[in-house]
N, C-alpha and C. Protein backbone atom coordinates (compact mmCIF):
# COMPACT_ATOMS: atom_id res chain seq x y z
N MET A 1 -28.57 75.20 29.51
CA MET A 1 -27.11 75.58 29.37
C MET A 1 -26.97 75.35 27.60
N TYR A 2 -26.29 76.53 27.13
CA TYR A 2 -26.08 76.62 25.81
C TYR A 2 -24.87 76.46 24.99
N LEU A 3 -24.48 75.79 23.57
CA LEU A 3 -23.34 75.47 23.58
C LEU A 3 -22.76 76.08 22.02
N ILE A 4 -21.70 76.38 22.02
CA ILE A 4 -21.20 77.25 20.92
C ILE A 4 -19.81 76.12 20.95
N LYS A 5 -19.63 76.49 18.86
CA LYS A 5 -18.54 75.92 18.82
C LYS A 5 -17.56 76.98 18.82
N GLU A 6 -16.52 76.60 19.62
CA GLU A 6 -15.17 77.26 19.74
C GLU A 6 -14.52 77.69 18.33
N ARG A 7 -13.85 78.56 18.23
CA ARG A 7 -13.60 79.24 16.46
C ARG A 7 -14.09 79.25 15.86
N PHE A 8 -15.66 79.69 15.84
CA PHE A 8 -16.04 79.59 14.47
C PHE A 8 -16.21 80.70 13.26
N PHE A 9 -15.33 81.61 13.66
CA PHE A 9 -15.42 83.13 13.38
C PHE A 9 -14.44 82.56 12.55
N ASP A 10 -14.02 81.81 11.64
CA ASP A 10 -13.25 81.91 10.68
C ASP A 10 -13.77 82.70 9.26
N ILE A 11 -13.43 83.79 8.98
CA ILE A 11 -13.61 84.44 7.91
C ILE A 11 -15.28 84.13 7.59
N GLY A 12 -15.94 84.89 8.89
CA GLY A 12 -17.40 85.34 8.73
C GLY A 12 -18.02 83.87 9.05
N ASP A 13 -17.53 83.04 8.93
CA ASP A 13 -18.66 81.61 9.54
C ASP A 13 -19.99 81.90 10.27
N ASP A 14 -20.69 81.11 9.51
CA ASP A 14 -22.29 81.41 10.57
C ASP A 14 -22.14 79.82 11.09
N TYR A 15 -23.17 80.00 12.29
CA TYR A 15 -23.19 79.04 13.27
C TYR A 15 -24.05 79.33 13.89
N ASP A 16 -24.45 77.75 14.60
CA ASP A 16 -25.98 77.91 15.56
C ASP A 16 -25.30 77.56 16.95
N ILE A 17 -26.22 78.19 18.18
CA ILE A 17 -25.97 78.34 19.24
C ILE A 17 -27.36 77.19 19.45
N THR A 18 -26.86 76.32 20.52
CA THR A 18 -27.92 75.12 20.33
C THR A 18 -27.96 74.80 21.83
N ASP A 19 -28.99 73.87 22.73
CA ASP A 19 -28.76 73.59 24.07
C ASP A 19 -28.25 72.25 24.00
N GLU A 20 -28.06 71.87 25.61
CA GLU A 20 -27.32 70.40 25.31
C GLU A 20 -27.53 69.40 24.10
N HIS A 21 -29.09 69.40 24.05
CA HIS A 21 -29.73 67.88 23.21
C HIS A 21 -29.34 68.57 21.80
N GLY A 22 -28.72 69.70 21.29
CA GLY A 22 -28.14 69.85 20.16
C GLY A 22 -29.61 70.67 19.46
N THR A 23 -30.33 70.87 20.14
CA THR A 23 -31.59 71.45 19.43
C THR A 23 -31.28 73.04 19.60
N LYS A 24 -31.46 73.76 18.09
CA LYS A 24 -31.18 74.80 17.64
C LYS A 24 -31.83 76.17 18.31
N LEU A 25 -31.57 77.28 18.93
CA LEU A 25 -31.78 78.22 20.01
C LEU A 25 -31.45 79.78 19.10
N LEU A 26 -30.23 79.92 18.73
CA LEU A 26 -30.14 81.04 18.04
C LEU A 26 -29.24 80.66 16.98
N HIS A 27 -29.13 81.47 15.96
CA HIS A 27 -28.29 81.85 14.61
C HIS A 27 -27.13 82.84 15.23
N VAL A 28 -26.11 82.45 14.61
CA VAL A 28 -25.16 83.45 14.59
C VAL A 28 -24.11 83.78 13.18
N ASP A 29 -24.58 84.85 12.73
CA ASP A 29 -24.91 85.77 11.48
C ASP A 29 -22.93 86.43 11.29
N GLY A 30 -22.00 85.60 10.81
CA GLY A 30 -20.79 86.23 10.99
C GLY A 30 -20.41 87.15 9.82
N LYS A 31 -19.81 88.43 9.89
CA LYS A 31 -19.63 88.83 8.36
C LYS A 31 -18.65 88.39 7.75
N VAL A 32 -18.53 88.04 6.87
CA VAL A 32 -17.56 87.72 6.34
C VAL A 32 -16.44 89.46 5.35
N LEU A 33 -15.23 88.93 5.93
CA LEU A 33 -14.21 89.82 6.01
C LEU A 33 -14.99 91.00 6.87
N SER A 34 -15.94 91.66 7.40
CA SER A 34 -15.79 92.79 8.02
C SER A 34 -14.59 93.27 8.69
N LEU A 35 -14.66 94.78 8.82
CA LEU A 35 -13.37 95.44 8.75
C LEU A 35 -13.29 95.79 10.37
N ARG A 36 -14.88 95.70 10.66
CA ARG A 36 -15.39 95.72 12.42
C ARG A 36 -15.64 94.46 13.32
N ASN A 37 -15.13 92.98 12.35
CA ASN A 37 -15.18 91.63 13.17
C ASN A 37 -16.98 91.82 14.11
N ARG A 38 -17.96 92.05 12.93
CA ARG A 38 -19.30 91.76 12.86
C ARG A 38 -20.10 90.61 13.14
N LEU A 39 -20.87 90.62 13.87
CA LEU A 39 -21.41 89.61 13.86
C LEU A 39 -22.93 89.72 14.55
N ILE A 40 -24.03 88.74 13.99
CA ILE A 40 -25.03 89.14 14.33
C ILE A 40 -25.96 88.09 14.82
N ILE A 41 -26.76 88.16 15.87
CA ILE A 41 -27.44 86.77 16.62
C ILE A 41 -28.64 87.18 16.19
N GLU A 42 -29.34 86.27 15.94
CA GLU A 42 -30.66 85.95 14.73
C GLU A 42 -31.64 85.10 15.86
N ASN A 43 -32.35 85.18 15.75
CA ASN A 43 -33.28 83.96 16.59
C ASN A 43 -33.63 82.87 15.06
N LEU A 44 -34.30 82.08 15.03
CA LEU A 44 -34.27 80.74 14.05
C LEU A 44 -34.99 81.62 13.04
N ASP A 45 -36.29 82.62 12.96
CA ASP A 45 -36.74 83.47 11.81
C ASP A 45 -35.85 83.93 10.80
N GLY A 46 -34.75 84.39 11.38
CA GLY A 46 -33.88 85.34 10.81
C GLY A 46 -33.84 87.08 11.39
N GLN A 47 -34.53 86.28 12.08
CA GLN A 47 -34.97 88.16 13.10
C GLN A 47 -33.81 88.46 13.80
N GLU A 48 -32.88 89.52 13.69
CA GLU A 48 -31.79 90.01 14.30
C GLU A 48 -32.24 89.98 15.64
N LEU A 49 -31.95 89.70 16.82
CA LEU A 49 -31.95 90.11 17.98
C LEU A 49 -30.76 91.10 18.87
N ALA A 50 -29.44 90.24 18.15
CA ALA A 50 -28.79 91.27 18.67
C ALA A 50 -27.18 91.06 17.56
N SER A 51 -26.20 92.15 18.20
CA SER A 51 -25.21 92.51 17.36
C SER A 51 -24.09 92.62 18.38
N VAL A 52 -22.67 92.18 17.80
CA VAL A 52 -21.86 92.43 18.62
C VAL A 52 -20.88 93.07 17.22
N HIS A 53 -19.85 94.12 17.80
CA HIS A 53 -18.71 94.96 16.32
C HIS A 53 -18.10 95.69 17.11
N ARG A 54 -16.78 95.56 16.96
CA ARG A 54 -15.65 96.25 17.33
C ARG A 54 -15.55 97.72 17.06
N HIS A 55 -15.30 98.16 18.03
CA HIS A 55 -14.60 99.72 17.47
C HIS A 55 -13.46 99.60 17.04
N LEU A 56 -13.16 100.26 15.80
CA LEU A 56 -11.90 100.56 14.92
C LEU A 56 -10.91 101.12 15.95
N ILE A 57 -11.35 102.45 16.25
CA ILE A 57 -10.42 103.28 17.11
C ILE A 57 -10.60 103.05 18.61
N SER A 58 -9.56 102.42 19.53
CA SER A 58 -9.97 102.15 21.10
C SER A 58 -8.40 101.79 21.35
N LEU A 59 -7.98 102.75 23.20
CA LEU A 59 -6.78 102.11 23.58
C LEU A 59 -6.36 100.71 23.71
N ARG A 60 -8.16 99.75 24.09
CA ARG A 60 -7.53 98.83 24.25
C ARG A 60 -9.26 97.97 23.22
N PRO A 61 -8.88 96.65 23.30
CA PRO A 61 -9.79 95.54 22.80
C PRO A 61 -11.01 96.28 23.01
N THR A 62 -11.86 96.80 22.44
CA THR A 62 -13.67 97.00 22.87
C THR A 62 -14.48 96.69 21.32
N TYR A 63 -15.37 96.13 22.14
CA TYR A 63 -16.68 95.40 21.82
C TYR A 63 -18.05 95.56 21.98
N GLU A 64 -19.12 96.76 20.80
CA GLU A 64 -20.64 97.00 21.02
C GLU A 64 -21.22 96.11 21.34
N ILE A 65 -22.45 95.97 21.77
CA ILE A 65 -23.22 94.83 22.00
C ILE A 65 -24.15 95.90 21.54
N THR A 66 -25.13 95.47 20.67
CA THR A 66 -26.28 96.13 20.49
C THR A 66 -27.65 95.00 20.99
N ILE A 67 -28.63 95.48 21.31
CA ILE A 67 -29.93 94.44 21.37
C ILE A 67 -30.92 95.27 21.29
N GLY A 68 -31.94 94.57 20.36
CA GLY A 68 -33.30 95.25 19.69
C GLY A 68 -32.83 96.98 19.42
N GLY A 69 -31.43 97.10 18.47
CA GLY A 69 -31.18 98.17 18.29
C GLY A 69 -30.83 99.13 18.97
N GLN A 70 -30.63 99.02 20.37
CA GLN A 70 -29.98 99.77 21.29
C GLN A 70 -28.97 99.35 22.05
N LYS A 71 -27.75 100.51 22.08
CA LYS A 71 -26.45 100.38 22.77
C LYS A 71 -26.70 99.17 24.09
N ALA A 72 -26.36 98.04 24.19
CA ALA A 72 -26.81 97.31 25.94
C ALA A 72 -25.70 97.33 26.56
N ALA A 73 -24.12 97.26 25.95
CA ALA A 73 -23.07 96.94 26.77
C ALA A 73 -21.55 97.40 25.64
N GLU A 74 -20.60 97.53 26.79
CA GLU A 74 -19.46 97.47 25.58
C GLU A 74 -18.74 96.58 26.44
N VAL A 75 -17.63 95.55 25.87
CA VAL A 75 -16.76 94.80 25.97
C VAL A 75 -15.51 94.99 25.83
N LYS A 76 -15.06 95.64 27.49
CA LYS A 76 -13.43 95.16 27.67
C LYS A 76 -12.43 94.89 28.29
N LYS A 77 -11.01 94.97 27.32
CA LYS A 77 -10.42 93.88 28.36
C LYS A 77 -10.07 95.01 29.18
N LYS A 78 -9.91 94.61 30.00
CA LYS A 78 -9.18 95.18 31.27
C LYS A 78 -7.50 95.75 31.43
N LEU A 79 -6.73 97.06 31.60
CA LEU A 79 -5.72 96.63 30.87
C LEU A 79 -5.08 96.36 32.75
N PHE A 80 -3.48 96.35 33.02
CA PHE A 80 -3.30 95.73 33.85
C PHE A 80 -3.25 94.73 34.65
N THR A 81 -3.71 93.60 34.17
CA THR A 81 -4.24 92.07 34.94
C THR A 81 -3.24 91.03 34.29
N PRO A 82 -1.75 91.30 35.74
CA PRO A 82 -1.17 90.23 35.68
C PRO A 82 -1.48 88.73 35.38
N PHE A 83 -0.97 87.72 34.86
CA PHE A 83 -0.93 86.56 34.73
C PHE A 83 -2.23 86.28 33.84
N ARG A 84 -3.50 87.08 33.44
CA ARG A 84 -4.39 86.69 32.64
C ARG A 84 -5.26 87.90 32.44
N GLU A 85 -5.34 87.58 31.40
CA GLU A 85 -6.93 88.48 30.74
C GLU A 85 -8.11 88.18 31.72
N LYS A 86 -8.59 90.01 31.65
CA LYS A 86 -10.21 90.05 32.41
C LYS A 86 -10.89 90.91 31.01
N PHE A 87 -12.59 90.48 31.13
CA PHE A 87 -12.84 91.38 30.14
C PHE A 87 -14.04 91.86 31.21
N THR A 88 -14.29 93.08 31.01
CA THR A 88 -15.44 93.57 31.65
C THR A 88 -16.67 93.94 30.43
N ILE A 89 -18.04 93.73 30.81
CA ILE A 89 -18.79 94.04 30.27
C ILE A 89 -19.90 95.14 30.93
N ASP A 90 -19.55 96.56 30.18
CA ASP A 90 -19.80 97.63 30.33
C ASP A 90 -21.23 98.22 30.12
N VAL A 91 -22.39 97.56 31.31
CA VAL A 91 -23.87 97.90 30.79
C VAL A 91 -23.63 99.92 31.42
N PRO A 92 -24.75 100.23 30.90
CA PRO A 92 -25.41 101.43 31.76
C PRO A 92 -25.83 101.12 32.89
N GLY A 93 -24.99 102.36 33.70
CA GLY A 93 -25.52 101.74 35.09
C GLY A 93 -24.61 101.43 36.24
N PRO A 94 -24.84 100.41 36.95
CA PRO A 94 -23.98 100.15 37.89
C PRO A 94 -23.57 98.30 38.25
N ASP A 95 -24.53 98.04 36.82
CA ASP A 95 -24.13 96.75 37.36
C ASP A 95 -23.73 95.87 36.18
N ASP A 96 -22.07 96.32 35.64
CA ASP A 96 -21.20 96.18 34.96
C ASP A 96 -21.29 94.17 35.44
N LEU A 97 -20.48 93.44 34.57
CA LEU A 97 -20.10 91.93 34.31
C LEU A 97 -18.93 91.89 34.18
N GLU A 98 -18.07 91.15 35.41
CA GLU A 98 -16.84 90.98 34.98
C GLU A 98 -16.51 89.44 34.48
N MET A 99 -15.82 88.94 33.08
CA MET A 99 -15.60 87.92 32.83
C MET A 99 -14.22 87.36 33.33
N LYS A 100 -14.04 86.53 33.59
CA LYS A 100 -12.31 86.02 34.45
C LYS A 100 -12.22 84.59 34.74
N GLY A 101 -10.69 84.56 34.92
CA GLY A 101 -10.44 82.78 34.56
C GLY A 101 -9.81 82.43 33.75
N ASP A 102 -10.02 81.48 32.91
CA ASP A 102 -8.50 80.89 31.86
C ASP A 102 -9.65 81.39 30.54
N LEU A 103 -9.40 82.76 30.23
CA LEU A 103 -10.31 82.65 28.90
C LEU A 103 -10.04 82.05 27.67
N ILE A 104 -8.48 82.02 27.65
CA ILE A 104 -8.22 80.96 26.03
C ILE A 104 -8.53 79.91 26.47
N ASP A 105 -8.53 79.14 27.23
CA ASP A 105 -9.17 77.73 27.46
C ASP A 105 -10.88 77.75 27.72
N HIS A 106 -11.13 78.71 27.79
CA HIS A 106 -12.64 78.92 27.68
C HIS A 106 -12.84 78.26 28.97
N GLU A 107 -12.55 78.55 30.26
CA GLU A 107 -12.85 77.98 31.65
C GLU A 107 -13.01 79.56 32.29
N PHE A 108 -13.99 79.85 32.08
CA PHE A 108 -14.13 81.23 33.63
C PHE A 108 -15.33 81.78 33.30
N ARG A 109 -15.71 82.61 34.42
CA ARG A 109 -16.51 82.62 35.27
C ARG A 109 -17.09 83.74 34.99
N VAL A 110 -18.13 84.27 34.75
CA VAL A 110 -18.95 85.77 34.81
C VAL A 110 -19.67 86.27 35.73
N GLU A 111 -19.36 87.24 36.56
CA GLU A 111 -20.21 87.89 38.04
C GLU A 111 -20.55 89.45 37.71
N ARG A 112 -20.70 89.63 38.78
CA ARG A 112 -21.53 91.18 38.84
C ARG A 112 -21.73 90.86 39.99
N GLY A 113 -20.80 91.91 40.80
CA GLY A 113 -20.11 92.56 42.20
C GLY A 113 -20.44 91.14 43.01
N GLY A 114 -19.11 90.66 41.94
CA GLY A 114 -18.76 89.31 42.68
C GLY A 114 -19.52 87.87 43.25
N ARG A 115 -20.82 88.18 42.32
CA ARG A 115 -21.88 87.69 42.44
C ARG A 115 -21.80 87.02 40.84
N HIS A 116 -21.39 85.06 40.75
CA HIS A 116 -21.39 85.09 39.59
C HIS A 116 -22.84 84.51 39.33
N VAL A 117 -22.52 84.89 37.96
CA VAL A 117 -24.39 84.75 37.34
C VAL A 117 -24.19 84.02 35.19
N ALA A 118 -22.67 83.38 35.30
CA ALA A 118 -22.62 82.51 34.67
C ALA A 118 -21.36 81.77 34.51
N ALA A 119 -20.83 80.68 33.78
CA ALA A 119 -20.14 79.92 33.49
C ALA A 119 -19.85 79.17 32.21
N VAL A 120 -18.80 79.32 31.85
CA VAL A 120 -18.44 78.86 30.46
C VAL A 120 -16.83 77.86 30.56
N SER A 121 -17.46 76.65 30.31
CA SER A 121 -16.27 75.66 30.51
C SER A 121 -16.53 74.58 28.57
N LYS A 122 -15.30 74.30 28.55
CA LYS A 122 -14.93 73.07 27.65
C LYS A 122 -15.03 71.98 28.42
N LYS A 123 -15.11 71.95 29.74
CA LYS A 123 -15.16 70.74 30.02
C LYS A 123 -16.46 69.84 30.29
N TRP A 124 -17.62 70.65 30.59
CA TRP A 124 -18.79 70.45 30.50
C TRP A 124 -19.60 69.36 29.01
N PHE A 125 -19.16 69.58 28.27
CA PHE A 125 -19.35 69.48 27.22
C PHE A 125 -18.11 68.33 26.41
N ARG A 126 -18.34 66.82 25.66
CA ARG A 126 -17.32 66.54 25.50
C ARG A 126 -16.75 66.55 23.91
N VAL A 127 -17.67 67.20 22.72
CA VAL A 127 -17.66 67.53 21.63
C VAL A 127 -16.46 68.35 21.58
N ARG A 128 -15.77 68.28 20.73
CA ARG A 128 -14.40 68.51 20.26
C ARG A 128 -14.67 70.01 19.80
N ASP A 129 -13.84 70.85 20.13
CA ASP A 129 -14.14 72.00 19.85
C ASP A 129 -15.42 73.32 20.25
N THR A 130 -15.97 72.55 21.45
CA THR A 130 -17.46 72.85 21.74
C THR A 130 -17.24 73.36 23.06
N TYR A 131 -17.58 74.19 23.93
CA TYR A 131 -17.85 74.70 24.90
C TYR A 131 -19.21 75.29 25.30
N ALA A 132 -19.52 75.26 26.59
CA ALA A 132 -20.90 75.05 27.59
C ALA A 132 -20.71 76.58 27.92
N VAL A 133 -22.06 77.60 27.83
CA VAL A 133 -22.17 78.37 28.56
C VAL A 133 -23.46 78.42 29.17
N ASP A 134 -23.19 78.40 31.23
CA ASP A 134 -24.16 77.95 31.55
C ASP A 134 -24.47 79.11 32.53
N ILE A 135 -26.29 79.79 31.92
CA ILE A 135 -26.30 80.86 32.60
C ILE A 135 -27.20 80.61 34.24
N VAL A 136 -27.29 81.20 35.23
CA VAL A 136 -27.97 81.58 35.83
C VAL A 136 -29.51 82.44 35.91
N ALA A 137 -30.33 81.58 36.50
CA ALA A 137 -31.65 81.76 35.72
C ALA A 137 -32.24 83.70 36.29
N GLY A 138 -33.05 84.42 35.39
CA GLY A 138 -33.00 85.41 35.56
C GLY A 138 -32.16 86.48 35.18
N GLU A 139 -30.84 85.98 34.47
CA GLU A 139 -29.73 86.85 34.37
C GLU A 139 -30.56 87.21 32.36
N ASN A 140 -29.82 88.10 31.79
CA ASN A 140 -29.68 88.77 30.52
C ASN A 140 -28.93 87.58 29.38
N ASP A 141 -29.68 86.64 29.11
CA ASP A 141 -28.99 85.57 29.03
C ASP A 141 -28.60 85.88 27.02
N LEU A 142 -29.33 86.75 26.57
CA LEU A 142 -28.88 87.37 25.01
C LEU A 142 -27.73 88.50 25.40
N LEU A 143 -27.86 89.03 26.55
CA LEU A 143 -26.55 89.83 26.98
C LEU A 143 -25.42 89.08 26.97
N ILE A 144 -25.50 87.75 28.07
CA ILE A 144 -23.98 87.41 28.48
C ILE A 144 -23.61 86.32 27.09
N LEU A 145 -24.36 85.57 26.20
CA LEU A 145 -24.15 84.88 25.49
C LEU A 145 -22.88 86.10 24.18
N ALA A 146 -23.64 87.39 24.22
CA ALA A 146 -23.46 88.77 23.27
C ALA A 146 -21.87 88.77 23.73
N GLY A 147 -21.38 88.72 25.32
CA GLY A 147 -20.32 89.11 25.69
C GLY A 147 -19.42 88.61 25.74
N VAL A 148 -20.18 87.04 25.49
CA VAL A 148 -18.92 85.74 25.38
C VAL A 148 -18.98 85.87 23.77
N LEU A 149 -19.87 85.83 22.86
CA LEU A 149 -19.03 86.12 21.89
C LEU A 149 -18.10 87.07 21.07
N ALA A 150 -18.17 88.26 22.11
CA ALA A 150 -17.50 89.23 21.64
C ALA A 150 -15.79 88.93 22.02
N LEU A 151 -16.07 87.84 23.27
CA LEU A 151 -14.70 87.60 24.05
C LEU A 151 -13.89 86.57 22.91
N GLU A 152 -14.62 85.96 22.12
CA GLU A 152 -14.38 85.28 21.25
C GLU A 152 -13.87 85.72 19.87
N LEU A 153 -14.21 86.92 19.90
CA LEU A 153 -13.53 87.90 18.66
C LEU A 153 -12.37 87.82 18.75
N ALA A 154 -12.36 89.15 20.28
CA ALA A 154 -11.06 89.30 20.97
C ALA A 154 -9.77 88.51 20.75
N LEU A 155 -10.24 87.45 21.34
CA LEU A 155 -9.25 86.31 21.44
C LEU A 155 -8.82 85.97 19.94
N SER A 156 -9.73 85.79 19.61
CA SER A 156 -9.30 85.38 17.60
C SER A 156 -8.64 86.54 16.97
N ARG A 157 -9.20 87.81 17.53
CA ARG A 157 -8.39 89.01 16.38
C ARG A 157 -7.20 88.99 17.15
N LYS A 158 -6.90 88.94 18.40
CA LYS A 158 -5.51 88.37 18.71
C LYS A 158 -4.53 87.29 18.15
N ASP A 159 -5.30 86.21 18.52
CA ASP A 159 -3.89 85.16 17.52
C ASP A 159 -4.01 85.58 16.57
N ASP A 160 -4.64 86.37 15.06
CA ASP A 160 -4.40 86.71 13.62
C ASP A 160 -3.43 87.92 14.05
N ASP A 161 -3.16 89.12 14.69
CA ASP A 161 -2.42 89.54 14.87
C ASP A 161 -1.18 89.25 14.72
């Protein structure tokens, strides 16, 4: 299980992603005042593992995830979803992921083809402004974490608009 502090993108803040015991696992480097809402996920030695950035021109909020220098996915807001927001993590091929639930309050599921692959919840961890990401074994943790961070970027940008 990973723990992420909610709303850590205030003017490019850096942040550590930890386990439930507070052990640092990853570092998130938010780029100060980045036009593209860019962040970099690094290992504890400072090596870039993944990055997330916003497409400047798109019909709907779209964020690109790169892992190991290669495009791994795009996170897109679904259009025409009444009563709730839904995002898709569009990966090459047929294995897209969908984030649905109460995205704003960080109570949602990540699914692939209707199969549960991860859950995000504030309820799991009682520290203020912290939410937990629980990923099913065998999934691409880095891709899912980057997708959740892209969602946070999109939601924080919406709040700023």
